[in-house]
Amino acid sequence: MNLFYEDVELGTSHTTPDHRITEADIADFCRLTRDHHPLHTDAEYARDAGFPGIIAHGLYGLSLMEGLKTELHLYDESSIASLGWDKVRFLKPLVAGDVIHVEMDFTAKRESKGRGIVTEAVRLLRGDEVVIDAEHVSLIRKRG
C-alpha cells in the first residue's frame, strides 16, 4: 500500500503485526541514547520503584510506534517528513517480554503548498491495554 494525500480517508484505521520487546532491545536503546538510568538497566532498582523489572524508555516505545507504522508501508513513496508528535502520553510501563502492536486512525488532513498534511491518532497497545497514546502529523506528497 502506498498512500498519497488524495488516498487518505478520515476515520480509516490500520493495525500493525505484533512485536515482542526483549531485554536486548532495551539495552540497545540505552546504548544508542546514552540513557543508562537504573530503571532501564537494574532489575532490582526497578522492582524497588514498583515495576516488575527493568522498563523500556518511554521514548523507545514512541520510536517503536513509528517503526511499526513504517512496516505497514503506508507512505513508501509519498512521505516527505514527520512534522512532529503531539499529545504524547506514557500510560503504562513497557517491560521485556511484552507483546505490543500499533493501532492508528486518520483524524485530519489539509493541503499545504501543493502537499498534504495528515494527522494520525496513534496508540501502542499490549493486548487491549493502551501503553502509549499520541498524535502524529506527517507531510506527504499529492499525486502527480
C-alpha atoms as a PDB file:
ATOM      1  CA  MET A   1       0.000   0.000   0.000  1.00  0.00           C
ATOM      2  CA  ASN A   2       1.253   3.478  -0.756  1.00  0.00           C
ATOM      3  CA  LEU A   3      -0.964   6.378   0.250  1.00  0.00           C
ATOM      4  CA  PHE A   4      -0.779   9.816  -1.258  1.00  0.00           C
ATOM      5  CA  TYR A   5      -2.701  12.736   0.213  1.00  0.00           C
ATOM      6  CA  GLU A   6      -5.727  12.089  -2.002  1.00  0.00           C
ATOM      7  CA  ASP A   7      -5.891   8.450  -0.823  1.00  0.00           C
ATOM      8  CA  VAL A   8      -6.149   9.260   2.888  1.00  0.00           C
ATOM      9  CA  GLU A   9      -9.694   8.763   4.170  1.00  0.00           C
ATOM     10  CA  LEU A  10     -10.511  10.181   7.581  1.00  0.00           C
ATOM     11  CA  GLY A  11     -11.545   7.507  10.065  1.00  0.00           C
ATOM     12  CA  THR A  12      -9.614   4.760   8.298  1.00  0.00           C
ATOM     13  CA  SER A  13      -7.740   2.526  10.769  1.00  0.00           C
ATOM     14  CA  HIS A  14      -4.597   0.431  10.399  1.00  0.00           C
ATOM     15  CA  THR A  15      -3.139  -2.163  12.785  1.00  0.00           C
ATOM     16  CA  THR A  16       0.421  -3.494  12.775  1.00  0.00           C
ATOM     17  CA  PRO A  17       1.515  -7.061  13.446  1.00  0.00           C
ATOM     18  CA  ASP A  18       2.655  -7.918  16.981  1.00  0.00           C
ATOM     19  CA  HIS A  19       6.192  -7.256  18.195  1.00  0.00           C
ATOM     20  CA  ARG A  20       7.837  -8.718  21.309  1.00  0.00           C
ATOM     21  CA  ILE A  21      10.088  -6.415  23.359  1.00  0.00           C
ATOM     22  CA  THR A  22      13.299  -8.010  24.614  1.00  0.00           C
ATOM     23  CA  GLU A  23      15.884  -7.072  27.230  1.00  0.00           C
ATOM     24  CA  ALA A  24      18.351  -6.716  24.342  1.00  0.00           C
ATOM     25  CA  ASP A  25      16.026  -4.119  22.723  1.00  0.00           C
ATOM     26  CA  ILE A  26      16.010  -2.087  25.940  1.00  0.00           C
ATOM     27  CA  ALA A  27      19.793  -2.411  26.333  1.00  0.00           C
ATOM     28  CA  ASP A  28      20.337  -1.347  22.707  1.00  0.00           C
ATOM     29  CA  PHE A  29      18.212   1.771  23.227  1.00  0.00           C
ATOM     30  CA  CYS A  30      20.217   2.580  26.386  1.00  0.00           C
ATOM     31  CA  ARG A  31      23.435   2.297  24.390  1.00  0.00           C
ATOM     32  CA  LEU A  32      22.198   4.329  21.421  1.00  0.00           C
ATOM     33  CA  THR A  33      20.762   7.173  23.510  1.00  0.00           C
ATOM     34  CA  ARG A  34      23.359   7.091  26.330  1.00  0.00           C
ATOM     35  CA  ASP A  35      20.479   6.903  28.828  1.00  0.00           C
ATOM     36  CA  HIS A  36      21.563   4.246  31.316  1.00  0.00           C
ATOM     37  CA  HIS A  37      19.203   5.170  34.135  1.00  0.00           C
ATOM     38  CA  PRO A  38      18.880   2.208  36.518  1.00  0.00           C
ATOM     39  CA  LEU A  39      15.145   1.896  35.733  1.00  0.00           C
ATOM     40  CA  HIS A  40      16.328   0.622  32.343  1.00  0.00           C
ATOM     41  CA  THR A  41      19.381  -1.366  33.463  1.00  0.00           C
ATOM     42  CA  ASP A  42      18.937  -2.652  37.030  1.00  0.00           C
ATOM     43  CA  ALA A  43      16.028  -5.033  37.689  1.00  0.00           C
ATOM     44  CA  GLU A  44      16.322  -4.736  41.476  1.00  0.00           C
ATOM     45  CA  TYR A  45      16.264  -0.936  41.311  1.00  0.00           C
ATOM     46  CA  ALA A  46      13.224  -1.065  39.001  1.00  0.00           C
ATOM     47  CA  ARG A  47      11.428  -3.531  41.316  1.00  0.00           C
ATOM     48  CA  ASP A  48      12.140  -1.243  44.302  1.00  0.00           C
ATOM     49  CA  ALA A  49      10.468   1.543  42.282  1.00  0.00           C
ATOM     50  CA  GLY A  50       7.346  -0.613  41.865  1.00  0.00           C
ATOM     51  CA  PHE A  51       7.931  -2.165  38.437  1.00  0.00           C
ATOM     52  CA  PRO A  52       8.142  -5.901  37.659  1.00  0.00           C
ATOM     53  CA  GLY A  53      11.688  -5.483  36.300  1.00  0.00           C
ATOM     54  CA  ILE A  54      13.601  -3.140  34.036  1.00  0.00           C
ATOM     55  CA  ILE A  55      11.344  -0.937  31.982  1.00  0.00           C
ATOM     56  CA  ALA A  56      11.839   0.373  28.474  1.00  0.00           C
ATOM     57  CA  HIS A  57      12.291   4.092  27.925  1.00  0.00           C
ATOM     58  CA  GLY A  58       9.082   5.873  27.009  1.00  0.00           C
ATOM     59  CA  LEU A  59      10.909   7.292  24.005  1.00  0.00           C
ATOM     60  CA  TYR A  60      11.811   3.759  22.919  1.00  0.00           C
ATOM     61  CA  GLY A  61       8.104   2.982  22.841  1.00  0.00           C
ATOM     62  CA  LEU A  62       7.410   6.143  20.858  1.00  0.00           C
ATOM     63  CA  SER A  63      10.216   5.323  18.404  1.00  0.00           C
ATOM     64  CA  LEU A  64       8.902   1.787  18.080  1.00  0.00           C
ATOM     65  CA  MET A  65       5.475   3.186  17.241  1.00  0.00           C
ATOM     66  CA  GLU A  66       6.995   4.960  14.238  1.00  0.00           C
ATOM     67  CA  GLY A  67       8.956   1.867  13.210  1.00  0.00           C
ATOM     68  CA  LEU A  68       5.938  -0.419  13.391  1.00  0.00           C
ATOM     69  CA  LYS A  69       3.873   2.099  11.406  1.00  0.00           C
ATOM     70  CA  THR A  70       6.620   2.163   8.774  1.00  0.00           C
ATOM     71  CA  GLU A  71       6.302  -1.612   8.380  1.00  0.00           C
ATOM     72  CA  LEU A  72       2.729  -1.002   7.144  1.00  0.00           C
ATOM     73  CA  HIS A  73       4.266   0.676   4.030  1.00  0.00           C
ATOM     74  CA  LEU A  74       1.609   3.374   4.014  1.00  0.00           C
ATOM     75  CA  TYR A  75       3.907   6.122   2.747  1.00  0.00           C
ATOM     76  CA  ASP A  76       6.783   4.313   0.987  1.00  0.00           C
ATOM     77  CA  GLU A  77       6.744   6.674  -1.997  1.00  0.00           C
ATOM     78  CA  SER A  78       4.772   9.593  -0.592  1.00  0.00           C
ATOM     79  CA  SER A  79       6.424  10.507   2.718  1.00  0.00           C
ATOM     80  CA  ILE A  80       8.218  13.848   2.873  1.00  0.00           C
ATOM     81  CA  ALA A  81       8.698  14.384   6.615  1.00  0.00           C
ATOM     82  CA  SER A  82       7.366  13.839  10.080  1.00  0.00           C
ATOM     83  CA  LEU A  83       6.165  17.205  11.367  1.00  0.00           C
ATOM     84  CA  GLY A  84       6.038  16.024  14.945  1.00  0.00           C
ATOM     85  CA  TRP A  85       4.389  14.071  17.692  1.00  0.00           C
ATOM     86  CA  ASP A  86       1.844  15.790  19.906  1.00  0.00           C
ATOM     87  CA  LYS A  87      -0.215  14.884  22.970  1.00  0.00           C
ATOM     88  CA  VAL A  88       2.162  12.017  23.830  1.00  0.00           C
ATOM     89  CA  ARG A  89       1.163  10.156  26.991  1.00  0.00           C
ATOM     90  CA  PHE A  90       3.127   7.283  28.521  1.00  0.00           C
ATOM     91  CA  LEU A  91       0.277   5.471  30.268  1.00  0.00           C
ATOM     92  CA  LYS A  92       1.800   2.116  31.261  1.00  0.00           C
ATOM     93  CA  PRO A  93       5.358   0.776  31.515  1.00  0.00           C
ATOM     94  CA  LEU A  94       6.856  -1.432  28.812  1.00  0.00           C
ATOM     95  CA  VAL A  95       8.841  -4.400  30.057  1.00  0.00           C
ATOM     96  CA  ALA A  96      10.834  -7.145  28.395  1.00  0.00           C
ATOM     97  CA  GLY A  97       8.516  -9.874  27.182  1.00  0.00           C
ATOM     98  CA  ASP A  98       5.642  -7.515  26.382  1.00  0.00           C
ATOM     99  CA  VAL A  99       3.952  -8.230  23.064  1.00  0.00           C
ATOM    100  CA  ILE A 100       2.755  -4.988  21.569  1.00  0.00           C
ATOM    101  CA  HIS A 101       1.227  -3.604  18.380  1.00  0.00           C
ATOM    102  CA  VAL A 102       0.167  -0.226  16.991  1.00  0.00           C
ATOM    103  CA  GLU A 103      -3.276   0.957  16.003  1.00  0.00           C
ATOM    104  CA  MET A 104      -3.637   4.216  14.095  1.00  0.00           C
ATOM    105  CA  ASP A 105      -6.519   6.215  12.656  1.00  0.00           C
ATOM    106  CA  PHE A 106      -6.506   9.158  10.258  1.00  0.00           C
ATOM    107  CA  THR A 107      -8.132  12.059  12.107  1.00  0.00           C
ATOM    108  CA  ALA A 108      -7.433  15.145   9.971  1.00  0.00           C
ATOM    109  CA  LYS A 109      -5.924  16.251   6.677  1.00  0.00           C
ATOM    110  CA  ARG A 110      -5.302  19.510   4.845  1.00  0.00           C
ATOM    111  CA  GLU A 111      -3.441  20.783   1.828  1.00  0.00           C
ATOM    112  CA  SER A 112      -0.373  22.966   2.249  1.00  0.00           C
ATOM    113  CA  LYS A 113       1.741  24.424  -0.564  1.00  0.00           C
ATOM    114  CA  GLY A 114       0.926  21.653  -3.026  1.00  0.00           C
ATOM    115  CA  ARG A 115       1.441  18.882  -0.473  1.00  0.00           C
ATOM    116  CA  GLY A 116      -0.684  17.245   2.186  1.00  0.00           C
ATOM    117  CA  ILE A 117      -0.578  17.312   5.972  1.00  0.00           C
ATOM    118  CA  VAL A 118      -2.109  14.256   7.614  1.00  0.00           C
ATOM    119  CA  THR A 119      -2.844  13.776  11.323  1.00  0.00           C
ATOM    120  CA  GLU A 120      -2.927  10.299  12.835  1.00  0.00           C
ATOM    121  CA  ALA A 121      -4.137   9.163  16.256  1.00  0.00           C
ATOM    122  CA  VAL A 122      -1.584   6.506  17.208  1.00  0.00           C
ATOM    123  CA  ARG A 123      -1.731   4.024  20.079  1.00  0.00           C
ATOM    124  CA  LEU A 124       0.784   1.437  21.266  1.00  0.00           C
ATOM    125  CA  LEU A 125      -1.111  -1.458  22.809  1.00  0.00           C
ATOM    126  CA  ARG A 126      -0.291  -4.501  24.910  1.00  0.00           C
ATOM    127  CA  GLY A 127      -3.299  -6.661  24.129  1.00  0.00           C
ATOM    128  CA  ASP A 128      -6.237  -4.288  24.600  1.00  0.00           C
ATOM    129  CA  GLU A 129      -4.353  -2.047  27.046  1.00  0.00           C
ATOM    130  CA  VAL A 130      -3.095   1.302  25.720  1.00  0.00           C
ATOM    131  CA  VAL A 131       0.522   1.805  26.776  1.00  0.00           C
ATOM    132  CA  ILE A 132       1.309   4.985  24.814  1.00  0.00           C
ATOM    133  CA  ASP A 133      -1.197   7.357  23.247  1.00  0.00           C
ATOM    134  CA  ALA A 134      -0.120  10.096  20.825  1.00  0.00           C
ATOM    135  CA  GLU A 135      -0.912  12.175  17.794  1.00  0.00           C
ATOM    136  CA  HIS A 136       1.429  12.226  14.787  1.00  0.00           C
ATOM    137  CA  VAL A 137       1.489  14.744  11.945  1.00  0.00           C
ATOM    138  CA  SER A 138       3.017  13.791   8.572  1.00  0.00           C
ATOM    139  CA  LEU A 139       3.820  15.767   5.457  1.00  0.00           C
ATOM    140  CA  ILE A 140       3.101  13.656   2.365  1.00  0.00           C
ATOM    141  CA  ARG A 141       3.063  14.088  -1.394  1.00  0.00           C
ATOM    142  CA  LYS A 142      -0.004  14.598  -3.524  1.00  0.00           C
ATOM    143  CA  ARG A 143      -0.383  12.518  -6.675  1.00  0.00           C
ATOM    144  CA  GLY A 144       1.333  13.817  -9.805  1.00  0.00           C
END
